[in-house]
Amino acid sequence: MHTRTWVKAITAGAAMCIGGPALVYYVSPTEEELFKKYNPDLQKRALETRQARQEEFEEFVTQLKEYSKSDKPIWAVQKEVERRNAEARTKKLREEQASVAAEIEKRRDEIRSSTK
C-alpha cells in the first residue's frame, strides 16, 4: 500500500511537471496568430517599425555584452556609461552655446563697425 501511494505521487508530479508546460505551450498563441488579430492600422504600423525595433534590440544586447565583460555589476557599468554620455552631451551643448555666442558677438561687432 505504501508503494502504491508513492507511485501515485510520482505519477501526479510528473503529470504536473510535464503536462503543465505542455498545456501552456499548446494554449499560447504564436506571434503570427497574434499579429493576424491586430487591427489593420496596427499591423501596418508594426511592419513599419519592425526594423527599427530589431536594431534597437540588437544594440541593447550588444551593450549588455560589453557591460558583462566588466568585473562590476551590469547596472553599475550602465550607470557609469550613462553618466559619461550625459557629461559628453553637456560638454557638446556648452561648446555649441559658446560658438553661437561667439557668432552673435562677431555679428554685433560687424554691425557696430559698419554703422560708424
PDB file of N, CA and C in Angstrom:
ATOM      1  N   MET A   1       0.818  -1.192   0.000  1.00  0.00           N
ATOM      2  CA  MET A   1       0.000   0.000   0.000  1.00  0.00           C
ATOM      3  C   MET A   1       0.863   1.257   0.000  1.00  0.00           C
ATOM      4  N   HIS A   2       1.946   1.214   0.723  1.00  0.00           N
ATOM      5  CA  HIS A   2       2.851   2.349   0.794  1.00  0.00           C
ATOM      6  C   HIS A   2       3.484   2.624  -0.576  1.00  0.00           C
ATOM      7  N   THR A   3       3.808   1.606  -1.304  1.00  0.00           N
ATOM      8  CA  THR A   3       4.408   1.741  -2.633  1.00  0.00           C
ATOM      9  C   THR A   3       3.408   2.346  -3.608  1.00  0.00           C
ATOM     10  N   ARG A   4       2.155   1.936  -3.502  1.00  0.00           N
ATOM     11  CA  ARG A   4       1.116   2.462  -4.395  1.00  0.00           C
ATOM     12  C   ARG A   4       0.953   3.973  -4.213  1.00  0.00           C
ATOM     13  N   THR A   5       1.032   4.466  -3.022  1.00  0.00           N
ATOM     14  CA  THR A   5       0.934   5.905  -2.748  1.00  0.00           C
ATOM     15  C   THR A   5       2.095   6.648  -3.394  1.00  0.00           C
ATOM     16  N   TRP A   6       3.291   6.094  -3.286  1.00  0.00           N
ATOM     17  CA  TRP A   6       4.461   6.712  -3.897  1.00  0.00           C
ATOM     18  C   TRP A   6       4.342   6.753  -5.422  1.00  0.00           C
ATOM     19  N   VAL A   7       3.851   5.694  -5.994  1.00  0.00           N
ATOM     20  CA  VAL A   7       3.684   5.641  -7.443  1.00  0.00           C
ATOM     21  C   VAL A   7       2.666   6.693  -7.885  1.00  0.00           C
ATOM     22  N   LYS A   8       1.585   6.826  -7.134  1.00  0.00           N
ATOM     23  CA  LYS A   8       0.564   7.838  -7.452  1.00  0.00           C
ATOM     24  C   LYS A   8       1.167   9.246  -7.347  1.00  0.00           C
ATOM     25  N   ALA A   9       1.943   9.483  -6.310  1.00  0.00           N
ATOM     26  CA  ALA A   9       2.535  10.812  -6.101  1.00  0.00           C
ATOM     27  C   ALA A   9       3.528  11.130  -7.221  1.00  0.00           C
ATOM     28  N   ILE A  10       4.345  10.172  -7.572  1.00  0.00           N
ATOM     29  CA  ILE A  10       5.329  10.400  -8.636  1.00  0.00           C
ATOM     30  C   ILE A  10       4.621  10.612  -9.972  1.00  0.00           C
ATOM     31  N   THR A  11       3.575   9.838 -10.232  1.00  0.00           N
ATOM     32  CA  THR A  11       2.818   9.993 -11.476  1.00  0.00           C
ATOM     33  C   THR A  11       2.151  11.365 -11.530  1.00  0.00           C
ATOM     34  N   ALA A  12       1.540  11.790 -10.438  1.00  0.00           N
ATOM     35  CA  ALA A  12       0.889  13.103 -10.405  1.00  0.00           C
ATOM     36  C   ALA A  12       1.918  14.216 -10.576  1.00  0.00           C
ATOM     37  N   GLY A  13       3.062  14.092  -9.920  1.00  0.00           N
ATOM     38  CA  GLY A  13       4.110  15.097 -10.048  1.00  0.00           C
ATOM     39  C   GLY A  13       4.634  15.178 -11.471  1.00  0.00           C
ATOM     40  N   ALA A  14       4.856  14.030 -12.079  1.00  0.00           N
ATOM     41  CA  ALA A  14       5.332  14.021 -13.465  1.00  0.00           C
ATOM     42  C   ALA A  14       4.288  14.618 -14.398  1.00  0.00           C
ATOM     43  N   ALA A  15       3.015  14.317 -14.149  1.00  0.00           N
ATOM     44  CA  ALA A  15       1.943  14.876 -14.987  1.00  0.00           C
ATOM     45  C   ALA A  15       1.916  16.397 -14.869  1.00  0.00           C
ATOM     46  N   MET A  16       2.121  16.915 -13.664  1.00  0.00           N
ATOM     47  CA  MET A  16       2.119  18.370 -13.490  1.00  0.00           C
ATOM     48  C   MET A  16       3.368  19.012 -14.090  1.00  0.00           C
ATOM     49  N   CYS A  17       4.530  18.375 -13.877  1.00  0.00           N
ATOM     50  CA  CYS A  17       5.778  18.951 -14.371  1.00  0.00           C
ATOM     51  C   CYS A  17       5.884  18.901 -15.890  1.00  0.00           C
ATOM     52  N   ILE A  18       5.330  17.876 -16.483  1.00  0.00           N
ATOM     53  CA  ILE A  18       5.385  17.748 -17.936  1.00  0.00           C
ATOM     54  C   ILE A  18       4.134  18.310 -18.578  1.00  0.00           C
ATOM     55  N   GLY A  19       2.983  18.006 -17.994  1.00  0.00           N
ATOM     56  CA  GLY A  19       1.706  18.422 -18.584  1.00  0.00           C
ATOM     57  C   GLY A  19       1.439  19.907 -18.470  1.00  0.00           C
ATOM     58  N   GLY A  20       1.883  20.542 -17.404  1.00  0.00           N
ATOM     59  CA  GLY A  20       1.644  21.984 -17.221  1.00  0.00           C
ATOM     60  C   GLY A  20       2.280  22.816 -18.315  1.00  0.00           C
ATOM     61  N   PRO A  21       3.590  22.697 -18.482  1.00  0.00           N
ATOM     62  CA  PRO A  21       4.231  23.452 -19.572  1.00  0.00           C
ATOM     63  C   PRO A  21       3.708  23.060 -20.956  1.00  0.00           C
ATOM     64  N   ALA A  22       3.383  21.783 -21.131  1.00  0.00           N
ATOM     65  CA  ALA A  22       2.842  21.352 -22.427  1.00  0.00           C
ATOM     66  C   ALA A  22       1.497  22.021 -22.688  1.00  0.00           C
ATOM     67  N   LEU A  23       0.665  22.136 -21.653  1.00  0.00           N
ATOM     68  CA  LEU A  23      -0.631  22.805 -21.801  1.00  0.00           C
ATOM     69  C   LEU A  23      -0.438  24.281 -22.129  1.00  0.00           C
ATOM     70  N   VAL A  24       0.480  24.944 -21.447  1.00  0.00           N
ATOM     71  CA  VAL A  24       0.754  26.359 -21.718  1.00  0.00           C
ATOM     72  C   VAL A  24       1.239  26.532 -23.148  1.00  0.00           C
ATOM     73  N   TYR A  25       2.125  25.670 -23.600  1.00  0.00           N
ATOM     74  CA  TYR A  25       2.640  25.730 -24.963  1.00  0.00           C
ATOM     75  C   TYR A  25       1.511  25.528 -25.975  1.00  0.00           C
ATOM     76  N   TYR A  26       0.618  24.612 -25.687  1.00  0.00           N
ATOM     77  CA  TYR A  26      -0.493  24.305 -26.589  1.00  0.00           C
ATOM     78  C   TYR A  26      -1.499  25.459 -26.652  1.00  0.00           C
ATOM     79  N   VAL A  27      -1.763  26.093 -25.519  1.00  0.00           N
ATOM     80  CA  VAL A  27      -2.779  27.144 -25.438  1.00  0.00           C
ATOM     81  C   VAL A  27      -2.255  28.496 -25.909  1.00  0.00           C
ATOM     82  N   SER A  28      -0.961  28.766 -25.761  1.00  0.00           N
ATOM     83  CA  SER A  28      -0.392  30.081 -26.108  1.00  0.00           C
ATOM     84  C   SER A  28      -0.429  30.300 -27.616  1.00  0.00           C
ATOM     85  N   PRO A  29      -0.901  31.490 -28.037  1.00  0.00           N
ATOM     86  CA  PRO A  29      -0.901  31.779 -29.478  1.00  0.00           C
ATOM     87  C   PRO A  29       0.510  32.128 -29.952  1.00  0.00           C
ATOM     88  N   THR A  30       0.773  31.875 -31.202  1.00  0.00           N
ATOM     89  CA  THR A  30       2.066  32.226 -31.780  1.00  0.00           C
ATOM     90  C   THR A  30       2.067  33.709 -32.119  1.00  0.00           C
ATOM     91  N   GLU A  31       3.243  34.242 -32.430  1.00  0.00           N
ATOM     92  CA  GLU A  31       3.340  35.657 -32.810  1.00  0.00           C
ATOM     93  C   GLU A  31       2.525  35.930 -34.058  1.00  0.00           C
ATOM     94  N   GLU A  32       2.531  34.978 -34.972  1.00  0.00           N
ATOM     95  CA  GLU A  32       1.792  35.134 -36.217  1.00  0.00           C
ATOM     96  C   GLU A  32       0.285  35.214 -35.962  1.00  0.00           C
ATOM     97  N   GLU A  33      -0.218  34.364 -35.074  1.00  0.00           N
ATOM     98  CA  GLU A  33      -1.655  34.392 -34.744  1.00  0.00           C
ATOM     99  C   GLU A  33      -2.032  35.706 -34.079  1.00  0.00           C
ATOM    100  N   LEU A  34      -1.172  36.189 -33.181  1.00  0.00           N
ATOM    101  CA  LEU A  34      -1.442  37.479 -32.540  1.00  0.00           C
ATOM    102  C   LEU A  34      -1.441  38.606 -33.564  1.00  0.00           C
ATOM    103  N   PHE A  35      -0.477  38.569 -34.474  1.00  0.00           N
ATOM    104  CA  PHE A  35      -0.356  39.617 -35.486  1.00  0.00           C
ATOM    105  C   PHE A  35      -1.597  39.648 -36.370  1.00  0.00           C
ATOM    106  N   LYS A  36      -2.143  38.488 -36.714  1.00  0.00           N
ATOM    107  CA  LYS A  36      -3.332  38.435 -37.565  1.00  0.00           C
ATOM    108  C   LYS A  36      -4.553  39.019 -36.871  1.00  0.00           C
ATOM    109  N   LYS A  37      -4.568  39.012 -35.547  1.00  0.00           N
ATOM    110  CA  LYS A  37      -5.704  39.555 -34.800  1.00  0.00           C
ATOM    111  C   LYS A  37      -5.614  41.076 -34.634  1.00  0.00           C
ATOM    112  N   TYR A  38      -4.459  41.650 -34.994  1.00  0.00           N
ATOM    113  CA  TYR A  38      -4.289  43.104 -34.901  1.00  0.00           C
ATOM    114  C   TYR A  38      -5.251  43.821 -35.844  1.00  0.00           C
ATOM    115  N   ASN A  39      -5.544  45.047 -35.472  1.00  0.00           N
ATOM    116  CA  ASN A  39      -6.242  45.981 -36.339  1.00  0.00           C
ATOM    117  C   ASN A  39      -5.336  46.228 -37.556  1.00  0.00           C
ATOM    118  N   PRO A  40      -5.881  46.395 -38.768  1.00  0.00           N
ATOM    119  CA  PRO A  40      -5.029  46.627 -39.949  1.00  0.00           C
ATOM    120  C   PRO A  40      -4.067  47.813 -39.791  1.00  0.00           C
ATOM    121  N   ASP A  41      -4.529  48.873 -39.107  1.00  0.00           N
ATOM    122  CA  ASP A  41      -3.633  50.017 -38.878  1.00  0.00           C
ATOM    123  C   ASP A  41      -2.457  49.617 -37.992  1.00  0.00           C
ATOM    124  N   LEU A  42      -2.747  48.826 -36.950  1.00  0.00           N
ATOM    125  CA  LEU A  42      -1.672  48.378 -36.068  1.00  0.00           C
ATOM    126  C   LEU A  42      -0.722  47.442 -36.806  1.00  0.00           C
ATOM    127  N   GLN A  43      -1.257  46.601 -37.683  1.00  0.00           N
ATOM    128  CA  GLN A  43      -0.398  45.719 -38.467  1.00  0.00           C
ATOM    129  C   GLN A  43       0.561  46.540 -39.328  1.00  0.00           C
ATOM    130  N   LYS A  44       0.012  47.557 -39.968  1.00  0.00           N
ATOM    131  CA  LYS A  44       0.826  48.409 -40.839  1.00  0.00           C
ATOM    132  C   LYS A  44       1.920  49.107 -40.024  1.00  0.00           C
ATOM    133  N   ARG A  45       1.537  49.661 -38.868  1.00  0.00           N
ATOM    134  CA  ARG A  45       2.488  50.377 -38.021  1.00  0.00           C
ATOM    135  C   ARG A  45       3.565  49.418 -37.481  1.00  0.00           C
ATOM    136  N   ALA A  46       3.142  48.204 -37.110  1.00  0.00           N
ATOM    137  CA  ALA A  46       4.105  47.225 -36.598  1.00  0.00           C
ATOM    138  C   ALA A  46       5.100  46.838 -37.682  1.00  0.00           C
ATOM    139  N   LEU A  47       4.630  46.676 -38.904  1.00  0.00           N
ATOM    140  CA  LEU A  47       5.531  46.332 -40.003  1.00  0.00           C
ATOM    141  C   LEU A  47       6.499  47.468 -40.298  1.00  0.00           C
ATOM    142  N   GLU A  48       6.016  48.715 -40.197  1.00  0.00           N
ATOM    143  CA  GLU A  48       6.869  49.873 -40.480  1.00  0.00           C
ATOM    144  C   GLU A  48       7.971  50.031 -39.439  1.00  0.00           C
ATOM    145  N   THR A  49       7.655  49.734 -38.182  1.00  0.00           N
ATOM    146  CA  THR A  49       8.634  49.950 -37.104  1.00  0.00           C
ATOM    147  C   THR A  49       9.420  48.695 -36.744  1.00  0.00           C
ATOM    148  N   ARG A  50       9.168  47.596 -37.428  1.00  0.00           N
ATOM    149  CA  ARG A  50       9.825  46.334 -37.084  1.00  0.00           C
ATOM    150  C   ARG A  50      11.343  46.445 -37.181  1.00  0.00           C
ATOM    151  N   GLN A  51      11.844  46.975 -38.273  1.00  0.00           N
ATOM    152  CA  GLN A  51      13.292  47.062 -38.481  1.00  0.00           C
ATOM    153  C   GLN A  51      13.952  47.917 -37.399  1.00  0.00           C
ATOM    154  N   ALA A  52      13.337  49.046 -37.069  1.00  0.00           N
ATOM    155  CA  ALA A  52      13.913  49.932 -36.050  1.00  0.00           C
ATOM    156  C   ALA A  52      13.943  49.234 -34.691  1.00  0.00           C
ATOM    157  N   ARG A  53      12.870  48.528 -34.358  1.00  0.00           N
ATOM    158  CA  ARG A  53      12.827  47.819 -33.074  1.00  0.00           C
ATOM    159  C   ARG A  53      13.867  46.708 -33.022  1.00  0.00           C
ATOM    160  N   GLN A  54      14.067  46.009 -34.127  1.00  0.00           N
ATOM    161  CA  GLN A  54      15.077  44.957 -34.159  1.00  0.00           C
ATOM    162  C   GLN A  54      16.479  45.534 -33.983  1.00  0.00           C
ATOM    163  N   GLU A  55      16.749  46.673 -34.631  1.00  0.00           N
ATOM    164  CA  GLU A  55      18.053  47.315 -34.491  1.00  0.00           C
ATOM    165  C   GLU A  55      18.279  47.785 -33.061  1.00  0.00           C
ATOM    166  N   GLU A  56      17.238  48.361 -32.443  1.00  0.00           N
ATOM    167  CA  GLU A  56      17.363  48.807 -31.053  1.00  0.00           C
ATOM    168  C   GLU A  56      17.659  47.625 -30.136  1.00  0.00           C
ATOM    169  N   PHE A  57      16.972  46.515 -30.370  1.00  0.00           N
ATOM    170  CA  PHE A  57      17.185  45.334 -29.541  1.00  0.00           C
ATOM    171  C   PHE A  57      18.597  44.795 -29.721  1.00  0.00           C
ATOM    172  N   GLU A  58      19.073  44.738 -30.962  1.00  0.00           N
ATOM    173  CA  GLU A  58      20.432  44.253 -31.214  1.00  0.00           C
ATOM    174  C   GLU A  58      21.468  45.163 -30.559  1.00  0.00           C
ATOM    175  N   GLU A  59      21.227  46.472 -30.617  1.00  0.00           N
ATOM    176  CA  GLU A  59      22.130  47.422 -29.966  1.00  0.00           C
ATOM    177  C   GLU A  59      22.119  47.211 -28.448  1.00  0.00           C
ATOM    178  N   PHE A  60      20.928  46.990 -27.892  1.00  0.00           N
ATOM    179  CA  PHE A  60      20.795  46.749 -26.453  1.00  0.00           C
ATOM    180  C   PHE A  60      21.560  45.492 -26.041  1.00  0.00           C
ATOM    181  N   VAL A  61      21.417  44.420 -26.801  1.00  0.00           N
ATOM    182  CA  VAL A  61      22.114  43.168 -26.493  1.00  0.00           C
ATOM    183  C   VAL A  61      23.623  43.364 -26.603  1.00  0.00           C
ATOM    184  N   THR A  62      24.061  44.100 -27.617  1.00  0.00           N
ATOM    185  CA  THR A  62      25.492  44.372 -27.779  1.00  0.00           C
ATOM    186  C   THR A  62      26.032  45.138 -26.577  1.00  0.00           C
ATOM    187  N   GLN A  63      25.268  46.141 -26.122  1.00  0.00           N
ATOM    188  CA  GLN A  63      25.695  46.898 -24.951  1.00  0.00           C
ATOM    189  C   GLN A  63      25.759  46.004 -23.716  1.00  0.00           C
ATOM    190  N   LEU A  64      24.762  45.133 -23.550  1.00  0.00           N
ATOM    191  CA  LEU A  64      24.786  44.230 -22.401  1.00  0.00           C
ATOM    192  C   LEU A  64      26.003  43.312 -22.439  1.00  0.00           C
ATOM    193  N   LYS A  65      26.361  42.858 -23.623  1.00  0.00           N
ATOM    194  CA  LYS A  65      27.553  42.010 -23.747  1.00  0.00           C
ATOM    195  C   LYS A  65      28.803  42.781 -23.349  1.00  0.00           C
ATOM    196  N   GLU A  66      28.883  44.050 -23.768  1.00  0.00           N
ATOM    197  CA  GLU A  66      30.028  44.877 -23.382  1.00  0.00           C
ATOM    198  C   GLU A  66      30.055  45.094 -21.875  1.00  0.00           C
ATOM    199  N   TYR A  67      28.889  45.395 -21.309  1.00  0.00           N
ATOM    200  CA  TYR A  67      28.816  45.642 -19.869  1.00  0.00           C
ATOM    201  C   TYR A  67      29.166  44.390 -19.080  1.00  0.00           C
ATOM    202  N   SER A  68      28.841  43.229 -19.591  1.00  0.00           N
ATOM    203  CA  SER A  68      29.096  41.995 -18.849  1.00  0.00           C
ATOM    204  C   SER A  68      30.581  41.636 -18.831  1.00  0.00           C
ATOM    205  N   LYS A  69      31.375  42.239 -19.686  1.00  0.00           N
ATOM    206  CA  LYS A  69      32.815  41.959 -19.700  1.00  0.00           C
ATOM    207  C   LYS A  69      33.516  42.560 -18.486  1.00  0.00           C
ATOM    208  N   SER A  70      32.883  43.541 -17.857  1.00  0.00           N
ATOM    209  CA  SER A  70      33.477  44.200 -16.698  1.00  0.00           C
ATOM    210  C   SER A  70      33.301  43.332 -15.446  1.00  0.00           C
ATOM    211  N   ASP A  71      34.134  43.597 -14.455  1.00  0.00           N
ATOM    212  CA  ASP A  71      34.018  42.885 -13.180  1.00  0.00           C
ATOM    213  C   ASP A  71      32.861  43.416 -12.349  1.00  0.00           C
ATOM    214  N   LYS A  72      32.427  44.622 -12.662  1.00  0.00           N
ATOM    215  CA  LYS A  72      31.346  45.262 -11.905  1.00  0.00           C
ATOM    216  C   LYS A  72      29.991  44.725 -12.365  1.00  0.00           C
ATOM    217  N   PRO A  73      28.956  44.925 -11.541  1.00  0.00           N
ATOM    218  CA  PRO A  73      27.601  44.546 -11.971  1.00  0.00           C
ATOM    219  C   PRO A  73      27.182  45.361 -13.191  1.00  0.00           C
ATOM    220  N   ILE A  74      26.331  44.770 -14.002  1.00  0.00           N
ATOM    221  CA  ILE A  74      25.906  45.408 -15.255  1.00  0.00           C
ATOM    222  C   ILE A  74      25.269  46.764 -14.989  1.00  0.00           C
ATOM    223  N   TRP A  75      24.417  46.857 -13.954  1.00  0.00           N
ATOM    224  CA  TRP A  75      23.727  48.120 -13.688  1.00  0.00           C
ATOM    225  C   TRP A  75      24.706  49.222 -13.283  1.00  0.00           C
ATOM    226  N   ALA A  76      25.791  48.863 -12.597  1.00  0.00           N
ATOM    227  CA  ALA A  76      26.787  49.867 -12.214  1.00  0.00           C
ATOM    228  C   ALA A  76      27.529  50.375 -13.453  1.00  0.00           C
ATOM    229  N   VAL A  77      27.901  49.455 -14.334  1.00  0.00           N
ATOM    230  CA  VAL A  77      28.593  49.844 -15.568  1.00  0.00           C
ATOM    231  C   VAL A  77      27.655  50.700 -16.417  1.00  0.00           C
ATOM    232  N   GLN A  78      26.388  50.326 -16.471  1.00  0.00           N
ATOM    233  CA  GLN A  78      25.417  51.085 -17.266  1.00  0.00           C
ATOM    234  C   GLN A  78      25.274  52.506 -16.721  1.00  0.00           C
ATOM    235  N   LYS A  79      25.240  52.651 -15.397  1.00  0.00           N
ATOM    236  CA  LYS A  79      25.146  53.992 -14.808  1.00  0.00           C
ATOM    237  C   LYS A  79      26.374  54.829 -15.160  1.00  0.00           C
ATOM    238  N   GLU A  80      27.561  54.209 -15.110  1.00  0.00           N
ATOM    239  CA  GLU A  80      28.781  54.934 -15.460  1.00  0.00           C
ATOM    240  C   GLU A  80      28.738  55.410 -16.909  1.00  0.00           C
ATOM    241  N   VAL A  81      28.312  54.531 -17.804  1.00  0.00           N
ATOM    242  CA  VAL A  81      28.235  54.891 -19.224  1.00  0.00           C
ATOM    243  C   VAL A  81      27.210  56.008 -19.429  1.00  0.00           C
ATOM    244  N   GLU A  82      26.058  55.907 -18.762  1.00  0.00           N
ATOM    245  CA  GLU A  82      25.049  56.962 -18.876  1.00  0.00           C
ATOM    246  C   GLU A  82      25.585  58.291 -18.351  1.00  0.00           C
ATOM    247  N   ARG A  83      26.338  58.234 -17.256  1.00  0.00           N
ATOM    248  CA  ARG A  83      26.910  59.464 -16.686  1.00  0.00           C
ATOM    249  C   ARG A  83      27.917  60.073 -17.657  1.00  0.00           C
ATOM    250  N   ARG A  84      28.776  59.214 -18.252  1.00  0.00           N
ATOM    251  CA  ARG A  84      29.748  59.719 -19.226  1.00  0.00           C
ATOM    252  C   ARG A  84      29.059  60.310 -20.452  1.00  0.00           C
ATOM    253  N   ASN A  85      28.003  59.654 -20.916  1.00  0.00           N
ATOM    254  CA  ASN A  85      27.263  60.177 -22.069  1.00  0.00           C
ATOM    255  C   ASN A  85      26.598  61.505 -21.740  1.00  0.00           C
ATOM    256  N   ALA A  86      26.051  61.623 -20.526  1.00  0.00           N
ATOM    257  CA  ALA A  86      25.432  62.882 -20.122  1.00  0.00           C
ATOM    258  C   ALA A  86      26.468  63.991 -20.046  1.00  0.00           C
ATOM    259  N   GLU A  87      27.659  63.675 -19.520  1.00  0.00           N
ATOM    260  CA  GLU A  87      28.728  64.675 -19.458  1.00  0.00           C
ATOM    261  C   GLU A  87      29.159  65.091 -20.859  1.00  0.00           C
ATOM    262  N   ALA A  88      29.250  64.133 -21.765  1.00  0.00           N
ATOM    263  CA  ALA A  88      29.644  64.442 -23.144  1.00  0.00           C
ATOM    264  C   ALA A  88      28.593  65.324 -23.814  1.00  0.00           C
ATOM    265  N   ARG A  89      27.306  65.010 -23.588  1.00  0.00           N
ATOM    266  CA  ARG A  89      26.239  65.844 -24.163  1.00  0.00           C
ATOM    267  C   ARG A  89      26.279  67.257 -23.592  1.00  0.00           C
ATOM    268  N   THR A  90      26.536  67.358 -22.284  1.00  0.00           N
ATOM    269  CA  THR A  90      26.616  68.672 -21.644  1.00  0.00           C
ATOM    270  C   THR A  90      27.792  69.463 -22.208  1.00  0.00           C
ATOM    271  N   LYS A  91      28.928  68.799 -22.380  1.00  0.00           N
ATOM    272  CA  LYS A  91      30.105  69.464 -22.931  1.00  0.00           C
ATOM    273  C   LYS A  91      29.837  69.934 -24.355  1.00  0.00           C
ATOM    274  N   LYS A  92      29.218  69.071 -25.144  1.00  0.00           N
ATOM    275  CA  LYS A  92      28.903  69.434 -26.533  1.00  0.00           C
ATOM    276  C   LYS A  92      27.930  70.608 -26.576  1.00  0.00           C
ATOM    277  N   LEU A  93      26.944  70.590 -25.701  1.00  0.00           N
ATOM    278  CA  LEU A  93      25.970  71.680 -25.654  1.00  0.00           C
ATOM    279  C   LEU A  93      26.649  72.993 -25.271  1.00  0.00           C
ATOM    280  N   ARG A  94      27.553  72.932 -24.305  1.00  0.00           N
ATOM    281  CA  ARG A  94      28.279  74.147 -23.895  1.00  0.00           C
ATOM    282  C   ARG A  94      29.130  74.689 -25.043  1.00  0.00           C
ATOM    283  N   GLU A  95      29.783  73.775 -25.777  1.00  0.00           N
ATOM    284  CA  GLU A  95      30.594  74.206 -26.921  1.00  0.00           C
ATOM    285  C   GLU A  95      29.725  74.856 -27.992  1.00  0.00           C
ATOM    286  N   GLU A  96      28.569  74.265 -28.246  1.00  0.00           N
ATOM    287  CA  GLU A  96      27.653  74.843 -29.230  1.00  0.00           C
ATOM    288  C   GLU A  96      27.173  76.222 -28.785  1.00  0.00           C
ATOM    289  N   GLN A  97      26.850  76.334 -27.499  1.00  0.00           N
ATOM    290  CA  GLN A  97      26.403  77.630 -26.982  1.00  0.00           C
ATOM    291  C   GLN A  97      27.526  78.658 -27.076  1.00  0.00           C
ATOM    292  N   ALA A  98      28.750  78.246 -26.800  1.00  0.00           N
ATOM    293  CA  ALA A  98      29.885  79.166 -26.888  1.00  0.00           C
ATOM    294  C   ALA A  98      30.102  79.602 -28.333  1.00  0.00           C
ATOM    295  N   SER A  99      29.966  78.671 -29.288  1.00  0.00           N
ATOM    296  CA  SER A  99      30.155  79.048 -30.689  1.00  0.00           C
ATOM    297  C   SER A  99      29.032  79.975 -31.161  1.00  0.00           C
ATOM    298  N   VAL A 100      27.814  79.733 -30.700  1.00  0.00           N
ATOM    299  CA  VAL A 100      26.694  80.614 -31.058  1.00  0.00           C
ATOM    300  C   VAL A 100      26.920  81.991 -30.448  1.00  0.00           C
ATOM    301  N   ALA A 101      27.364  82.029 -29.197  1.00  0.00           N
ATOM    302  CA  ALA A 101      27.635  83.315 -28.551  1.00  0.00           C
ATOM    303  C   ALA A 101      28.755  84.054 -29.278  1.00  0.00           C
ATOM    304  N   ALA A 102      29.789  83.346 -29.711  1.00  0.00           N
ATOM    305  CA  ALA A 102      30.887  83.972 -30.447  1.00  0.00           C
ATOM    306  C   ALA A 102      30.378  84.507 -31.785  1.00  0.00           C
ATOM    307  N   GLU A 103      29.527  83.761 -32.455  1.00  0.00           N
ATOM    308  CA  GLU A 103      28.954  84.206 -33.731  1.00  0.00           C
ATOM    309  C   GLU A 103      28.103  85.460 -33.526  1.00  0.00           C
ATOM    310  N   ILE A 104      27.320  85.478 -32.469  1.00  0.00           N
ATOM    311  CA  ILE A 104      26.487  86.654 -32.178  1.00  0.00           C
ATOM    312  C   ILE A 104      27.371  87.865 -31.909  1.00  0.00           C
ATOM    313  N   GLU A 105      28.420  87.672 -31.116  1.00  0.00           N
ATOM    314  CA  GLU A 105      29.323  88.779 -30.809  1.00  0.00           C
ATOM    315  C   GLU A 105      30.029  89.276 -32.065  1.00  0.00           C
ATOM    316  N   LYS A 106      30.405  88.357 -32.948  1.00  0.00           N
ATOM    317  CA  LYS A 106      31.041  88.726 -34.203  1.00  0.00           C
ATOM    318  C   LYS A 106      30.102  89.569 -35.057  1.00  0.00           C
ATOM    319  N   ARG A 107      28.849  89.168 -35.133  1.00  0.00           N
ATOM    320  CA  ARG A 107      27.863  89.934 -35.915  1.00  0.00           C
ATOM    321  C   ARG A 107      27.623  91.313 -35.309  1.00  0.00           C
ATOM    322  N   ARG A 108      27.586  91.383 -33.979  1.00  0.00           N
ATOM    323  CA  ARG A 108      27.414  92.672 -33.314  1.00  0.00           C
ATOM    324  C   ARG A 108      28.576  93.606 -33.658  1.00  0.00           C
ATOM    325  N   ASP A 109      29.782  93.053 -33.626  1.00  0.00           N
ATOM    326  CA  ASP A 109      30.957  93.862 -33.953  1.00  0.00           C
ATOM    327  C   ASP A 109      30.893  94.341 -35.398  1.00  0.00           C
ATOM    328  N   GLU A 110      30.444  93.445 -36.312  1.00  0.00           N
ATOM    329  CA  GLU A 110      30.317  93.845 -37.707  1.00  0.00           C
ATOM    330  C   GLU A 110      29.282  94.955 -37.880  1.00  0.00           C
ATOM    331  N   ILE A 111      28.185  94.836 -37.168  1.00  0.00           N
ATOM    332  CA  ILE A 111      27.144  95.868 -37.250  1.00  0.00           C
ATOM    333  C   ILE A 111      27.661  97.185 -36.675  1.00  0.00           C
ATOM    334  N   ARG A 112      28.361  97.123 -35.565  1.00  0.00           N
ATOM    335  CA  ARG A 112      28.908  98.339 -34.955  1.00  0.00           C
ATOM    336  C   ARG A 112      29.927  99.001 -35.868  1.00  0.00           C
ATOM    337  N   SER A 113      30.781  98.200 -36.486  1.00  0.00           N
ATOM    338  CA  SER A 113      31.803  98.776 -37.362  1.00  0.00           C
ATOM    339  C   SER A 113      31.205  99.335 -38.648  1.00  0.00           C
ATOM    340  N   SER A 114      30.120  98.748 -39.114  1.00  0.00           N
ATOM    341  CA  SER A 114      29.505  99.241 -40.356  1.00  0.00           C
ATOM    342  C   SER A 114      28.702 100.528 -40.115  1.00  0.00           C
ATOM    343  N   THR A 115      28.239 100.775 -38.911  1.00  0.00           N
ATOM    344  CA  THR A 115      27.467 101.982 -38.623  1.00  0.00           C
ATOM    345  C   THR A 115      28.342 103.167 -38.321  1.00  0.00           C
ATOM    346  N   LYS A 116      29.592 103.011 -38.067  1.00  0.00           N
ATOM    347  CA  LYS A 116      30.476 104.131 -37.697  1.00  0.00           C
ATOM    348  C   LYS A 116      30.967 104.865 -38.881  1.00  0.00           C
TER     349      LYS A 116
END
